[in-house]
Structures are given as structure tokens and as C-alpha cells.
Amino acid sequence: MTKRVYIANTGGTIGMKKTPSGYAPERGHLAEQMAQISALTRPTMPDYDLYEYDPLLDSSNMTPHDWLKIARDIAARYDDYDGFVILHGTDTMAYTASALPFMLEGLRKPVILTGSQIPLCETRNDARENLITAMILAAEYPIPEVCLYFGDKLMRGCRTVKVNANGFDAFGSPNYPPLGRVGVDIEVNWGVIRPLPPLATPLTINPLNGNRISAFRLFPGISADIVRHILQPPLKGLVLEAYGVGNGPDHDQEFIAVLREASQRGVIIVDCTQCFSGSVDLNDYATGASLAAAGVISGYDLTVEAALAKLFYLLSQELPTETIKSLMQTDLRGELTRP
């Protein structure tokens, strides 16, 4: 039987049209462009249905509310398709790819996010290859994960970051190997794919509520007053982008005191590294141990995108603070490697 793929066009460069004011989304334009691609009608391609969201969004405008819309869209059509392709702008694609694994509980089918750096309407573009390969992956490869495909790499969604603003190799997976590489052949690394959930496990949606969280990047000379202001109620969680393996300015006792006070109030402060790759270890240096003593917890090798998504998810479960801290440091969706 011919496989069926559901394509959700949320917006982004891939389906934009050139206008006097620059590239802009326009409803119906992507469908017109896809109708002109003869390869999509070949017997080796899956059947597809394309649904365009209203409004189509530049991904800079994506919010957790839009993540929920995507998750519910997949759930509503889950039994009718073999896989799902989410077309998305590149700017916040890694955030959406990090959130959806926590929202889609019991996923047994591939959900592939992709997009492009040049619109499909242009003669020279990366959109055609990304789209066609994502469709084939969604239809023919039973990967029970939310993935991001871009360039020649298939990556676990909650391990991805945007690494290039202009190049076709726009995304990377700094702390986890690609799930697959695409060249002459499509080569899936099945050894790093997550196992299927039990057959009887239904797909359920975990909504993310409006908990206040934030991210903050340390820099030399940071004022404790600024950090205190950020940590004011109603903030519930903070991703602290620290130096190296999770270090911070332990000579600044006011800074340490601000973190301790917030932690004692129940604010969950997760330490992630500013470095592109590597893992946090708060025991390596005194400057990291001081943060741990103040109540900051290690995010190990979580990306900032995944740490934020996971905080949203766990805070939405209304769990005790200590349980959330423990689960933040536990691998739930393949997002984290703990020594």
C-alpha cells in the first residue's frame, strides 16, 4: 500500500513568496509550488495531504500556544497517516523540535520538522531536497521520535540547535550523534533510535501551561541586581547559561546569595553551558560547586532549547519542586546524557 504523509505548513521561509517588501508567507503559494514538482508524483513518493495554518507564521512569532496547536493537529490525524512533516521557519525550529517530544506522549510514528534557508519558489534552493527527503523519512522509516531534518542530517529534535544563520547546514546536534545521514543513500543509525513504546500505549498530549520561565546568559561583570530582578516572582524556573562546565563568579557573594534566595523560594535554576558542546559538571571547579551549594542544579548536556522545553513541561505537571529538580536531571526523551 502507498504510504501517506501529513504535511503541516506552519510558515517559514520554505513556503514564502517574493514580494516588493521581501519574502513573505502567502496562503496557497506553497501548494502551487509543490504541484510543479514532478518528483512528488512518482510511485516511490508517498501520498500526502498539505494543510496550511492560519495565520502562517514567521517562526520568530512562535509561542508555546503554537506548539500545542501542532501537537493537537498531529494527535487529531494520528491514525490516518504513516508519518508527519512539520514545515517550520528555521529561527525557532530547534525550540519547537525540543518541545514536541515532551508534549507527544507515547509517540510511535515519525514526526519530522524541516524547512529551508531559500524558499521553494527560487530556482536555486535547499527547500526541495529538505522537503522530499523529510517526506520519505516520515513515510518509510518507522522512527518513533520527533526529529529535525536539514541539509544531510536527521537529528533528534530535543538535541538540536541552530548553528548557521546563512548556510544550508543550519542545524547541529552537538552532544548526540545524528539519527541518520543522507547522501546517495539514506542511512539511519538504528542503534541510537529510541525504542518503540508499548503497543497499547495511546498517544496523549501534554499541554504546557503559562508558567513563567526564563533564560539568562552570564557575562563578566554581571550585576547581582540584574539577576535578582530576573528571579523575581512569579518566575518559576531559570536556565542559567554559565561558563565552561557550569561555572559562575563565586567571588561575587551577592550574586551567589541571589541564587540561593531564589532557590529557597522554589525557583528551579538549571545550569547549562554556554559552550556549543560538552556537559556541565558542578564538581569540577570551586566556581561550579558554589552554584550547586546555592541550589543550582546541573543540566548536564541539555541544550538551552531542550532545558527550556523540559522546564515548561515539568512545571505544567504541577509536581513538587524536588521532584522537578530530579526529573530535570533524568533522561526522559533522549534529551540528556548523564555520566
C-alpha atoms as a PDB file:
ATOM      1  CA  MET A   1       0.000   0.000   0.000  1.00  0.00           C
ATOM      2  CA  THR A   2       1.138   3.551  -0.728  1.00  0.00           C
ATOM      3  CA  LYS A   3       2.221   5.323   2.427  1.00  0.00           C
ATOM      4  CA  ARG A   4       0.503   8.543   3.478  1.00  0.00           C
ATOM      5  CA  VAL A   5       2.157  11.604   4.974  1.00  0.00           C
ATOM      6  CA  TYR A   6       0.538  14.606   6.576  1.00  0.00           C
ATOM      7  CA  ILE A   7       2.354  17.885   5.929  1.00  0.00           C
ATOM      8  CA  ALA A   8       1.595  20.809   8.240  1.00  0.00           C
ATOM      9  CA  ASN A   9       2.820  24.127   6.886  1.00  0.00           C
ATOM     10  CA  THR A  10       3.180  26.404   9.896  1.00  0.00           C
ATOM     11  CA  GLY A  11       5.027  29.057   7.893  1.00  0.00           C
ATOM     12  CA  GLY A  12       8.666  29.931   7.424  1.00  0.00           C
ATOM     13  CA  THR A  13      10.965  30.558   4.510  1.00  0.00           C
ATOM     14  CA  ILE A  14      10.251  27.307   2.673  1.00  0.00           C
ATOM     15  CA  GLY A  15       6.799  28.417   1.513  1.00  0.00           C
ATOM     16  CA  MET A  16       7.331  32.161   1.235  1.00  0.00           C
ATOM     17  CA  LYS A  17       6.733  34.261  -1.873  1.00  0.00           C
ATOM     18  CA  LYS A  18       8.884  37.089  -3.145  1.00  0.00           C
ATOM     19  CA  THR A  19       7.128  40.439  -2.750  1.00  0.00           C
ATOM     20  CA  PRO A  20       8.229  44.063  -3.234  1.00  0.00           C
ATOM     21  CA  SER A  21       8.812  44.157   0.545  1.00  0.00           C
ATOM     22  CA  GLY A  22      10.836  40.928   0.647  1.00  0.00           C
ATOM     23  CA  TYR A  23       9.897  37.297   1.230  1.00  0.00           C
ATOM     24  CA  ALA A  24       6.535  36.863   2.961  1.00  0.00           C
ATOM     25  CA  PRO A  25       4.155  33.947   3.646  1.00  0.00           C
ATOM     26  CA  GLU A  26       1.114  33.671   1.436  1.00  0.00           C
ATOM     27  CA  ARG A  27      -1.604  31.074   1.788  1.00  0.00           C
ATOM     28  CA  GLY A  28      -1.806  28.708  -1.170  1.00  0.00           C
ATOM     29  CA  HIS A  29       1.621  29.603  -2.533  1.00  0.00           C
ATOM     30  CA  LEU A  30       3.400  26.510  -1.203  1.00  0.00           C
ATOM     31  CA  ALA A  31       0.727  24.207  -2.644  1.00  0.00           C
ATOM     32  CA  GLU A  32       1.206  25.840  -6.053  1.00  0.00           C
ATOM     33  CA  GLN A  33       4.963  25.319  -5.855  1.00  0.00           C
ATOM     34  CA  MET A  34       4.646  21.686  -4.774  1.00  0.00           C
ATOM     35  CA  ALA A  35       2.218  20.987  -7.635  1.00  0.00           C
ATOM     36  CA  GLN A  36       5.015  21.879 -10.054  1.00  0.00           C
ATOM     37  CA  ILE A  37       7.463  19.326  -8.613  1.00  0.00           C
ATOM     38  CA  SER A  38       7.086  16.248 -10.797  1.00  0.00           C
ATOM     39  CA  ALA A  39       9.127  14.123  -8.367  1.00  0.00           C
ATOM     40  CA  LEU A  40       6.287  14.297  -5.842  1.00  0.00           C
ATOM     41  CA  THR A  41       4.039  12.308  -8.202  1.00  0.00           C
ATOM     42  CA  ARG A  42       6.452   9.416  -8.711  1.00  0.00           C
ATOM     43  CA  PRO A  43       5.460   5.947  -7.419  1.00  0.00           C
ATOM     44  CA  THR A  44       8.373   5.986  -4.959  1.00  0.00           C
ATOM     45  CA  MET A  45       6.907   9.010  -3.162  1.00  0.00           C
ATOM     46  CA  PRO A  46       4.163   8.795  -0.541  1.00  0.00           C
ATOM     47  CA  ASP A  47       0.753  10.300  -0.977  1.00  0.00           C
ATOM     48  CA  TYR A  48       0.451  13.491   1.009  1.00  0.00           C
ATOM     49  CA  ASP A  49      -2.048  15.965   2.312  1.00  0.00           C
ATOM     50  CA  LEU A  50      -0.899  19.532   2.845  1.00  0.00           C
ATOM     51  CA  TYR A  51      -2.565  21.695   5.458  1.00  0.00           C
ATOM     52  CA  GLU A  52      -1.633  25.350   5.861  1.00  0.00           C
ATOM     53  CA  TYR A  53      -2.028  27.025   9.204  1.00  0.00           C
ATOM     54  CA  ASP A  54      -3.830  30.319   9.545  1.00  0.00           C
ATOM     55  CA  PRO A  55      -2.020  32.537  10.076  1.00  0.00           C
ATOM     56  CA  LEU A  56       1.226  31.309   8.581  1.00  0.00           C
ATOM     57  CA  LEU A  57       3.950  32.357  10.982  1.00  0.00           C
ATOM     58  CA  ASP A  58       7.479  33.549  10.680  1.00  0.00           C
ATOM     59  CA  SER A  59       8.950  31.278  13.342  1.00  0.00           C
ATOM     60  CA  SER A  60      10.139  34.281  15.345  1.00  0.00           C
ATOM     61  CA  ASN A  61       6.476  34.620  16.327  1.00  0.00           C
ATOM     62  CA  MET A  62       6.125  31.016  17.569  1.00  0.00           C
ATOM     63  CA  THR A  63       4.935  30.544  21.161  1.00  0.00           C
ATOM     64  CA  PRO A  64       4.084  27.538  23.362  1.00  0.00           C
ATOM     65  CA  HIS A  65       0.470  28.059  22.288  1.00  0.00           C
ATOM     66  CA  ASP A  66       1.554  27.306  18.707  1.00  0.00           C
ATOM     67  CA  TRP A  67       3.448  24.202  19.867  1.00  0.00           C
ATOM     68  CA  LEU A  68       0.207  22.939  21.379  1.00  0.00           C
ATOM     69  CA  LYS A  69      -1.627  23.636  18.122  1.00  0.00           C
ATOM     70  CA  ILE A  70       0.907  21.486  16.245  1.00  0.00           C
ATOM     71  CA  ALA A  71       0.742  18.690  18.839  1.00  0.00           C
ATOM     72  CA  ARG A  72      -3.059  18.599  18.736  1.00  0.00           C
ATOM     73  CA  ASP A  73      -3.016  18.649  14.937  1.00  0.00           C
ATOM     74  CA  ILE A  74      -0.795  15.552  14.892  1.00  0.00           C
ATOM     75  CA  ALA A  75      -2.952  13.797  17.502  1.00  0.00           C
ATOM     76  CA  ALA A  76      -6.174  14.505  15.580  1.00  0.00           C
ATOM     77  CA  ARG A  77      -4.767  12.871  12.428  1.00  0.00           C
ATOM     78  CA  TYR A  78      -2.520  10.306  14.088  1.00  0.00           C
ATOM     79  CA  ASP A  79      -4.370   7.188  12.928  1.00  0.00           C
ATOM     80  CA  ASP A  80      -4.730   8.349   9.316  1.00  0.00           C
ATOM     81  CA  TYR A  81      -1.079   8.763   8.320  1.00  0.00           C
ATOM     82  CA  ASP A  82       2.179   6.847   8.446  1.00  0.00           C
ATOM     83  CA  GLY A  83       4.212   9.916   9.365  1.00  0.00           C
ATOM     84  CA  PHE A  84       4.144  13.666   9.768  1.00  0.00           C
ATOM     85  CA  VAL A  85       6.200  16.505   8.302  1.00  0.00           C
ATOM     86  CA  ILE A  86       6.114  19.890  10.022  1.00  0.00           C
ATOM     87  CA  LEU A  87       7.292  22.758   7.822  1.00  0.00           C
ATOM     88  CA  HIS A  88       8.682  25.458  10.073  1.00  0.00           C
ATOM     89  CA  GLY A  89      10.838  28.564   9.991  1.00  0.00           C
ATOM     90  CA  THR A  90      14.432  27.975  10.989  1.00  0.00           C
ATOM     91  CA  ASP A  91      14.806  30.675  13.648  1.00  0.00           C
ATOM     92  CA  THR A  92      12.929  28.789  16.361  1.00  0.00           C
ATOM     93  CA  MET A  93      12.696  25.334  14.800  1.00  0.00           C
ATOM     94  CA  ALA A  94      15.011  23.850  17.441  1.00  0.00           C
ATOM     95  CA  TYR A  95      12.721  25.158  20.205  1.00  0.00           C
ATOM     96  CA  THR A  96       9.643  23.530  18.636  1.00  0.00           C
ATOM     97  CA  ALA A  97      11.614  20.335  17.951  1.00  0.00           C
ATOM     98  CA  SER A  98      12.635  20.294  21.617  1.00  0.00           C
ATOM     99  CA  ALA A  99       9.130  20.906  22.967  1.00  0.00           C
ATOM    100  CA  LEU A 100       7.135  18.437  20.888  1.00  0.00           C
ATOM    101  CA  PRO A 101       8.849  15.296  22.285  1.00  0.00           C
ATOM    102  CA  PHE A 102       7.626  16.238  25.763  1.00  0.00           C
ATOM    103  CA  MET A 103       4.139  17.083  24.521  1.00  0.00           C
ATOM    104  CA  LEU A 104       3.614  13.932  22.411  1.00  0.00           C
ATOM    105  CA  GLU A 105       3.494  11.099  24.953  1.00  0.00           C
ATOM    106  CA  GLY A 106       3.576   7.581  23.515  1.00  0.00           C
ATOM    107  CA  LEU A 107       4.649   8.597  20.009  1.00  0.00           C
ATOM    108  CA  ARG A 108       5.120   5.591  17.691  1.00  0.00           C
ATOM    109  CA  LYS A 109       5.366   7.370  14.329  1.00  0.00           C
ATOM    110  CA  PRO A 110       7.940   9.758  12.860  1.00  0.00           C
ATOM    111  CA  VAL A 111       7.390  13.483  13.178  1.00  0.00           C
ATOM    112  CA  ILE A 112       9.942  15.319  11.014  1.00  0.00           C
ATOM    113  CA  LEU A 113      10.476  19.065  11.252  1.00  0.00           C
ATOM    114  CA  THR A 114      12.150  20.741   8.299  1.00  0.00           C
ATOM    115  CA  GLY A 115      12.301  23.995   6.403  1.00  0.00           C
ATOM    116  CA  SER A 116      14.794  25.839   4.263  1.00  0.00           C
ATOM    117  CA  GLN A 117      17.126  28.791   4.014  1.00  0.00           C
ATOM    118  CA  ILE A 118      15.908  29.665   0.486  1.00  0.00           C
ATOM    119  CA  PRO A 119      12.218  29.465  -0.490  1.00  0.00           C
ATOM    120  CA  LEU A 120      10.942  26.702  -2.749  1.00  0.00           C
ATOM    121  CA  CYS A 121       9.936  29.314  -5.338  1.00  0.00           C
ATOM    122  CA  GLU A 122      13.559  30.207  -6.097  1.00  0.00           C
ATOM    123  CA  THR A 123      15.424  28.360  -8.862  1.00  0.00           C
ATOM    124  CA  ARG A 124      18.352  27.594  -6.558  1.00  0.00           C
ATOM    125  CA  ASN A 125      17.116  26.441  -3.173  1.00  0.00           C
ATOM    126  CA  ASP A 126      17.603  23.903  -0.400  1.00  0.00           C
ATOM    127  CA  ALA A 127      13.849  23.570   0.107  1.00  0.00           C
ATOM    128  CA  ARG A 128      13.195  20.873  -2.495  1.00  0.00           C
ATOM    129  CA  GLU A 129      15.681  18.358  -1.112  1.00  0.00           C
ATOM    130  CA  ASN A 130      14.711  19.006   2.517  1.00  0.00           C
ATOM    131  CA  LEU A 131      11.022  18.585   1.719  1.00  0.00           C
ATOM    132  CA  ILE A 132      11.325  15.443  -0.409  1.00  0.00           C
ATOM    133  CA  THR A 133      13.709  13.700   1.979  1.00  0.00           C
ATOM    134  CA  ALA A 134      11.597  14.602   5.028  1.00  0.00           C
ATOM    135  CA  MET A 135       8.560  13.102   3.300  1.00  0.00           C
ATOM    136  CA  ILE A 136      10.423   9.878   2.512  1.00  0.00           C
ATOM    137  CA  LEU A 137      11.751   9.636   6.064  1.00  0.00           C
ATOM    138  CA  ALA A 138       8.275  10.191   7.519  1.00  0.00           C
ATOM    139  CA  ALA A 139       6.714   7.572   5.249  1.00  0.00           C
ATOM    140  CA  GLU A 140       9.301   4.811   5.014  1.00  0.00           C
ATOM    141  CA  TYR A 141      11.339   4.871   8.224  1.00  0.00           C
ATOM    142  CA  PRO A 142       9.444   3.902  11.418  1.00  0.00           C
ATOM    143  CA  ILE A 143      11.325   6.185  13.770  1.00  0.00           C
ATOM    144  CA  PRO A 144       9.184   6.790  16.882  1.00  0.00           C
ATOM    145  CA  GLU A 145      10.626  10.230  17.565  1.00  0.00           C
ATOM    146  CA  VAL A 146      10.290  13.919  16.879  1.00  0.00           C
ATOM    147  CA  CYS A 147      13.205  14.632  14.539  1.00  0.00           C
ATOM    148  CA  LEU A 148      14.652  17.565  12.678  1.00  0.00           C
ATOM    149  CA  TYR A 149      15.926  17.018   9.151  1.00  0.00           C
ATOM    150  CA  PHE A 150      18.066  19.645   7.487  1.00  0.00           C
ATOM    151  CA  GLY A 151      20.880  19.535   4.961  1.00  0.00           C
ATOM    152  CA  ASP A 152      22.052  15.953   5.040  1.00  0.00           C
ATOM    153  CA  LYS A 153      21.359  15.116   8.699  1.00  0.00           C
ATOM    154  CA  LEU A 154      18.449  13.609  10.567  1.00  0.00           C
ATOM    155  CA  MET A 155      18.701  14.654  14.212  1.00  0.00           C
ATOM    156  CA  ARG A 156      16.789  14.038  17.424  1.00  0.00           C
ATOM    157  CA  GLY A 157      14.635  17.128  17.861  1.00  0.00           C
ATOM    158  CA  CYS A 158      15.436  17.720  21.521  1.00  0.00           C
ATOM    159  CA  ARG A 159      19.175  17.622  20.787  1.00  0.00           C
ATOM    160  CA  THR A 160      19.234  20.281  18.078  1.00  0.00           C
ATOM    161  CA  VAL A 161      20.432  23.868  17.914  1.00  0.00           C
ATOM    162  CA  LYS A 162      20.600  26.330  15.049  1.00  0.00           C
ATOM    163  CA  VAL A 163      24.282  26.774  14.217  1.00  0.00           C
ATOM    164  CA  ASN A 164      24.335  28.730  10.957  1.00  0.00           C
ATOM    165  CA  ALA A 165      22.237  31.742  10.021  1.00  0.00           C
ATOM    166  CA  ASN A 166      23.002  31.569   6.295  1.00  0.00           C
ATOM    167  CA  GLY A 167      24.344  28.148   5.313  1.00  0.00           C
ATOM    168  CA  PHE A 168      22.422  25.072   4.248  1.00  0.00           C
ATOM    169  CA  ASP A 169      23.967  23.211   7.225  1.00  0.00           C
ATOM    170  CA  ALA A 170      21.816  25.318   9.538  1.00  0.00           C
ATOM    171  CA  PHE A 171      21.372  22.837  12.397  1.00  0.00           C
ATOM    172  CA  GLY A 172      23.600  20.708  14.545  1.00  0.00           C
ATOM    173  CA  SER A 173      23.308  18.121  17.298  1.00  0.00           C
ATOM    174  CA  PRO A 174      26.337  18.947  19.433  1.00  0.00           C
ATOM    175  CA  ASN A 175      26.050  16.273  22.099  1.00  0.00           C
ATOM    176  CA  TYR A 176      24.374  13.384  20.307  1.00  0.00           C
ATOM    177  CA  PRO A 177      25.141  11.639  17.011  1.00  0.00           C
ATOM    178  CA  PRO A 178      22.799  12.143  14.058  1.00  0.00           C
ATOM    179  CA  LEU A 179      19.993   9.610  13.805  1.00  0.00           C
ATOM    180  CA  GLY A 180      20.732   9.377  10.108  1.00  0.00           C
ATOM    181  CA  ARG A 181      22.724  10.821   7.232  1.00  0.00           C
ATOM    182  CA  VAL A 182      21.563  11.349   3.688  1.00  0.00           C
ATOM    183  CA  GLY A 183      23.814  11.083   0.667  1.00  0.00           C
ATOM    184  CA  VAL A 184      23.481   8.683  -2.242  1.00  0.00           C
ATOM    185  CA  ASP A 185      21.623   6.501   0.252  1.00  0.00           C
ATOM    186  CA  ILE A 186      19.589   7.239   3.370  1.00  0.00           C
ATOM    187  CA  GLU A 187      21.487   5.672   6.249  1.00  0.00           C
ATOM    188  CA  VAL A 188      19.644   5.503   9.579  1.00  0.00           C
ATOM    189  CA  ASN A 189      21.669   4.785  12.695  1.00  0.00           C
ATOM    190  CA  TRP A 190      19.128   2.468  14.292  1.00  0.00           C
ATOM    191  CA  GLY A 191      21.395   1.916  17.279  1.00  0.00           C
ATOM    192  CA  VAL A 192      20.707   5.426  18.592  1.00  0.00           C
ATOM    193  CA  ILE A 193      16.960   5.497  17.850  1.00  0.00           C
ATOM    194  CA  ARG A 194      14.683   5.353  20.878  1.00  0.00           C
ATOM    195  CA  PRO A 195      12.665   2.126  21.269  1.00  0.00           C
ATOM    196  CA  LEU A 196       9.003   1.952  20.417  1.00  0.00           C
ATOM    197  CA  PRO A 197       6.672   2.474  23.378  1.00  0.00           C
ATOM    198  CA  PRO A 198       4.451  -0.488  24.253  1.00  0.00           C
ATOM    199  CA  LEU A 199       1.871  -1.214  21.560  1.00  0.00           C
ATOM    200  CA  ALA A 200      -1.039  -0.481  23.875  1.00  0.00           C
ATOM    201  CA  THR A 201       0.330   2.977  24.772  1.00  0.00           C
ATOM    202  CA  PRO A 202      -2.019   5.634  23.378  1.00  0.00           C
ATOM    203  CA  LEU A 203      -0.754   8.940  22.033  1.00  0.00           C
ATOM    204  CA  THR A 204      -1.567  11.617  24.585  1.00  0.00           C
ATOM    205  CA  ILE A 205      -0.915  15.355  24.586  1.00  0.00           C
ATOM    206  CA  ASN A 206       0.811  17.100  27.483  1.00  0.00           C
ATOM    207  CA  PRO A 207      -0.192  20.774  27.285  1.00  0.00           C
ATOM    208  CA  LEU A 208       2.263  23.369  28.519  1.00  0.00           C
ATOM    209  CA  ASN A 209       0.699  25.930  30.811  1.00  0.00           C
ATOM    210  CA  GLY A 210       1.692  29.530  31.302  1.00  0.00           C
ATOM    211  CA  ASN A 211       4.405  29.024  33.899  1.00  0.00           C
ATOM    212  CA  ARG A 212       6.913  31.853  33.910  1.00  0.00           C
ATOM    213  CA  ILE A 213      10.395  30.708  32.990  1.00  0.00           C
ATOM    214  CA  SER A 214      13.399  32.459  31.533  1.00  0.00           C
ATOM    215  CA  ALA A 215      16.964  32.011  30.307  1.00  0.00           C
ATOM    216  CA  PHE A 216      19.926  34.177  31.223  1.00  0.00           C
ATOM    217  CA  ARG A 217      23.483  34.177  29.933  1.00  0.00           C
ATOM    218  CA  LEU A 218      26.290  35.035  32.333  1.00  0.00           C
ATOM    219  CA  PHE A 219      28.942  37.529  31.264  1.00  0.00           C
ATOM    220  CA  PRO A 220      31.951  39.070  33.020  1.00  0.00           C
ATOM    221  CA  GLY A 221      30.815  41.936  35.230  1.00  0.00           C
ATOM    222  CA  ILE A 222      27.203  40.777  35.558  1.00  0.00           C
ATOM    223  CA  SER A 223      25.372  42.693  38.253  1.00  0.00           C
ATOM    224  CA  ALA A 224      23.679  40.741  41.034  1.00  0.00           C
ATOM    225  CA  ASP A 225      20.838  43.289  40.872  1.00  0.00           C
ATOM    226  CA  ILE A 226      20.055  42.273  37.302  1.00  0.00           C
ATOM    227  CA  VAL A 227      19.915  38.602  38.280  1.00  0.00           C
ATOM    228  CA  ARG A 228      17.766  39.468  41.314  1.00  0.00           C
ATOM    229  CA  HIS A 229      15.338  41.334  39.057  1.00  0.00           C
ATOM    230  CA  ILE A 230      15.065  38.372  36.671  1.00  0.00           C
ATOM    231  CA  LEU A 231      14.428  35.952  39.549  1.00  0.00           C
ATOM    232  CA  GLN A 232      11.555  37.975  40.998  1.00  0.00           C
ATOM    233  CA  PRO A 233       8.165  36.250  41.387  1.00  0.00           C
ATOM    234  CA  PRO A 234       6.220  34.969  39.507  1.00  0.00           C
ATOM    235  CA  LEU A 235       9.267  33.337  37.868  1.00  0.00           C
ATOM    236  CA  LYS A 236       9.233  29.567  38.412  1.00  0.00           C
ATOM    237  CA  GLY A 237      12.331  28.413  36.529  1.00  0.00           C
ATOM    238  CA  LEU A 238      15.530  29.765  35.018  1.00  0.00           C
ATOM    239  CA  VAL A 239      18.000  28.278  32.573  1.00  0.00           C
ATOM    240  CA  LEU A 240      21.326  29.780  33.600  1.00  0.00           C
ATOM    241  CA  GLU A 241      23.834  29.767  30.747  1.00  0.00           C
ATOM    242  CA  ALA A 242      27.088  29.512  32.669  1.00  0.00           C
ATOM    243  CA  TYR A 243      30.731  29.355  31.672  1.00  0.00           C
ATOM    244  CA  GLY A 244      32.537  26.184  30.614  1.00  0.00           C
ATOM    245  CA  VAL A 245      31.441  23.173  32.642  1.00  0.00           C
ATOM    246  CA  GLY A 246      28.887  25.249  34.533  1.00  0.00           C
ATOM    247  CA  ASN A 247      30.986  27.807  36.367  1.00  0.00           C
ATOM    248  CA  GLY A 248      29.995  31.233  37.693  1.00  0.00           C
ATOM    249  CA  PRO A 249      31.541  34.140  39.624  1.00  0.00           C
ATOM    250  CA  ASP A 250      31.850  32.674  43.119  1.00  0.00           C
ATOM    251  CA  HIS A 251      33.804  35.730  44.385  1.00  0.00           C
ATOM    252  CA  ASP A 252      30.615  37.770  43.973  1.00  0.00           C
ATOM    253  CA  GLN A 253      28.882  36.796  47.201  1.00  0.00           C
ATOM    254  CA  GLU A 254      25.846  38.941  46.417  1.00  0.00           C
ATOM    255  CA  PHE A 255      25.362  37.036  43.145  1.00  0.00           C
ATOM    256  CA  ILE A 256      25.570  33.694  44.967  1.00  0.00           C
ATOM    257  CA  ALA A 257      23.181  34.954  47.649  1.00  0.00           C
ATOM    258  CA  VAL A 258      20.622  35.971  44.996  1.00  0.00           C
ATOM    259  CA  LEU A 259      20.680  32.458  43.512  1.00  0.00           C
ATOM    260  CA  ARG A 260      20.385  30.885  46.970  1.00  0.00           C
ATOM    261  CA  GLU A 261      17.407  33.066  47.933  1.00  0.00           C
ATOM    262  CA  ALA A 262      15.560  32.255  44.723  1.00  0.00           C
ATOM    263  CA  SER A 263      16.256  28.536  45.041  1.00  0.00           C
ATOM    264  CA  GLN A 264      14.974  28.547  48.613  1.00  0.00           C
ATOM    265  CA  ARG A 265      11.760  30.172  47.339  1.00  0.00           C
ATOM    266  CA  GLY A 266      11.304  27.230  44.985  1.00  0.00           C
ATOM    267  CA  VAL A 267      12.674  28.705  41.757  1.00  0.00           C
ATOM    268  CA  ILE A 268      14.310  25.907  39.743  1.00  0.00           C
ATOM    269  CA  ILE A 269      17.649  27.112  38.356  1.00  0.00           C
ATOM    270  CA  VAL A 270      19.175  24.810  35.741  1.00  0.00           C
ATOM    271  CA  ASP A 271      22.840  25.248  34.849  1.00  0.00           C
ATOM    272  CA  CYS A 272      23.636  24.771  31.136  1.00  0.00           C
ATOM    273  CA  THR A 273      26.927  25.507  29.442  1.00  0.00           C
ATOM    274  CA  GLN A 274      27.450  28.419  27.077  1.00  0.00           C
ATOM    275  CA  CYS A 275      29.730  26.177  25.033  1.00  0.00           C
ATOM    276  CA  PHE A 276      28.459  24.657  21.803  1.00  0.00           C
ATOM    277  CA  SER A 277      29.169  21.141  23.023  1.00  0.00           C
ATOM    278  CA  GLY A 278      30.062  19.436  26.270  1.00  0.00           C
ATOM    279  CA  SER A 279      28.418  18.837  29.618  1.00  0.00           C
ATOM    280  CA  VAL A 280      28.041  20.650  32.932  1.00  0.00           C
ATOM    281  CA  ASP A 281      29.855  19.223  35.938  1.00  0.00           C
ATOM    282  CA  LEU A 282      29.398  21.334  39.034  1.00  0.00           C
ATOM    283  CA  ASN A 283      32.029  19.336  40.914  1.00  0.00           C
ATOM    284  CA  ASP A 284      34.958  20.148  38.641  1.00  0.00           C
ATOM    285  CA  TYR A 285      35.724  23.638  39.945  1.00  0.00           C
ATOM    286  CA  ALA A 286      35.017  25.656  43.077  1.00  0.00           C
ATOM    287  CA  THR A 287      33.211  28.197  40.874  1.00  0.00           C
ATOM    288  CA  GLY A 288      30.726  25.485  39.912  1.00  0.00           C
ATOM    289  CA  ALA A 289      30.482  23.972  43.376  1.00  0.00           C
ATOM    290  CA  SER A 290      29.458  27.389  44.723  1.00  0.00           C
ATOM    291  CA  LEU A 291      26.480  27.430  42.365  1.00  0.00           C
ATOM    292  CA  ALA A 292      25.483  23.919  43.424  1.00  0.00           C
ATOM    293  CA  ALA A 293      25.709  24.938  47.085  1.00  0.00           C
ATOM    294  CA  ALA A 294      23.340  27.824  46.285  1.00  0.00           C
ATOM    295  CA  GLY A 295      20.754  25.363  44.983  1.00  0.00           C
ATOM    296  CA  VAL A 296      21.524  25.457  41.249  1.00  0.00           C
ATOM    297  CA  ILE A 297      21.150  22.056  39.552  1.00  0.00           C
ATOM    298  CA  SER A 298      23.185  20.674  36.669  1.00  0.00           C
ATOM    299  CA  GLY A 299      21.613  20.480  33.241  1.00  0.00           C
ATOM    300  CA  TYR A 300      24.435  18.169  32.122  1.00  0.00           C
ATOM    301  CA  ASP A 301      24.473  18.243  28.291  1.00  0.00           C
ATOM    302  CA  LEU A 302      20.995  19.685  27.760  1.00  0.00           C
ATOM    303  CA  THR A 303      20.778  22.316  25.055  1.00  0.00           C
ATOM    304  CA  VAL A 304      19.254  25.576  26.225  1.00  0.00           C
ATOM    305  CA  GLU A 305      16.300  24.885  23.914  1.00  0.00           C
ATOM    306  CA  ALA A 306      15.699  21.472  25.474  1.00  0.00           C
ATOM    307  CA  ALA A 307      16.183  22.773  29.011  1.00  0.00           C
ATOM    308  CA  LEU A 308      13.541  25.455  28.474  1.00  0.00           C
ATOM    309  CA  ALA A 309      11.103  22.983  26.887  1.00  0.00           C
ATOM    310  CA  LYS A 310      11.632  20.477  29.687  1.00  0.00           C
ATOM    311  CA  LEU A 311      11.089  23.143  32.346  1.00  0.00           C
ATOM    312  CA  PHE A 312       7.828  24.159  30.657  1.00  0.00           C
ATOM    313  CA  TYR A 313       6.764  20.518  30.569  1.00  0.00           C
ATOM    314  CA  LEU A 314       7.645  19.587  34.160  1.00  0.00           C
ATOM    315  CA  LEU A 315       6.242  22.765  35.680  1.00  0.00           C
ATOM    316  CA  SER A 316       2.997  22.072  33.819  1.00  0.00           C
ATOM    317  CA  GLN A 317       2.719  18.738  35.656  1.00  0.00           C
ATOM    318  CA  GLU A 318       2.335  20.564  38.994  1.00  0.00           C
ATOM    319  CA  LEU A 319       4.880  18.312  40.668  1.00  0.00           C
ATOM    320  CA  PRO A 320       6.742  19.042  43.911  1.00  0.00           C
ATOM    321  CA  THR A 321       9.829  21.190  43.427  1.00  0.00           C
ATOM    322  CA  GLU A 322      12.258  18.453  44.448  1.00  0.00           C
ATOM    323  CA  THR A 323      10.621  16.021  42.023  1.00  0.00           C
ATOM    324  CA  ILE A 324      11.001  18.523  39.193  1.00  0.00           C
ATOM    325  CA  LYS A 325      14.666  19.031  40.072  1.00  0.00           C
ATOM    326  CA  SER A 326      15.234  15.284  39.990  1.00  0.00           C
ATOM    327  CA  LEU A 327      13.424  14.822  36.681  1.00  0.00           C
ATOM    328  CA  MET A 328      15.282  17.758  35.110  1.00  0.00           C
ATOM    329  CA  GLN A 329      18.412  15.676  35.652  1.00  0.00           C
ATOM    330  CA  THR A 330      16.819  12.450  34.360  1.00  0.00           C
ATOM    331  CA  ASP A 331      16.691  11.456  30.699  1.00  0.00           C
ATOM    332  CA  LEU A 332      13.021  11.386  29.671  1.00  0.00           C
ATOM    333  CA  ARG A 333      13.009  11.715  25.856  1.00  0.00           C
ATOM    334  CA  GLY A 334      16.613  11.163  24.877  1.00  0.00           C
ATOM    335  CA  GLU A 335      17.381  14.816  25.591  1.00  0.00           C
ATOM    336  CA  LEU A 336      20.102  14.280  28.176  1.00  0.00           C
ATOM    337  CA  THR A 337      23.163  12.153  28.816  1.00  0.00           C
ATOM    338  CA  ARG A 338      24.158  11.860  32.432  1.00  0.00           C
ATOM    339  CA  PRO A 339      27.557  10.440  33.410  1.00  0.00           C
END
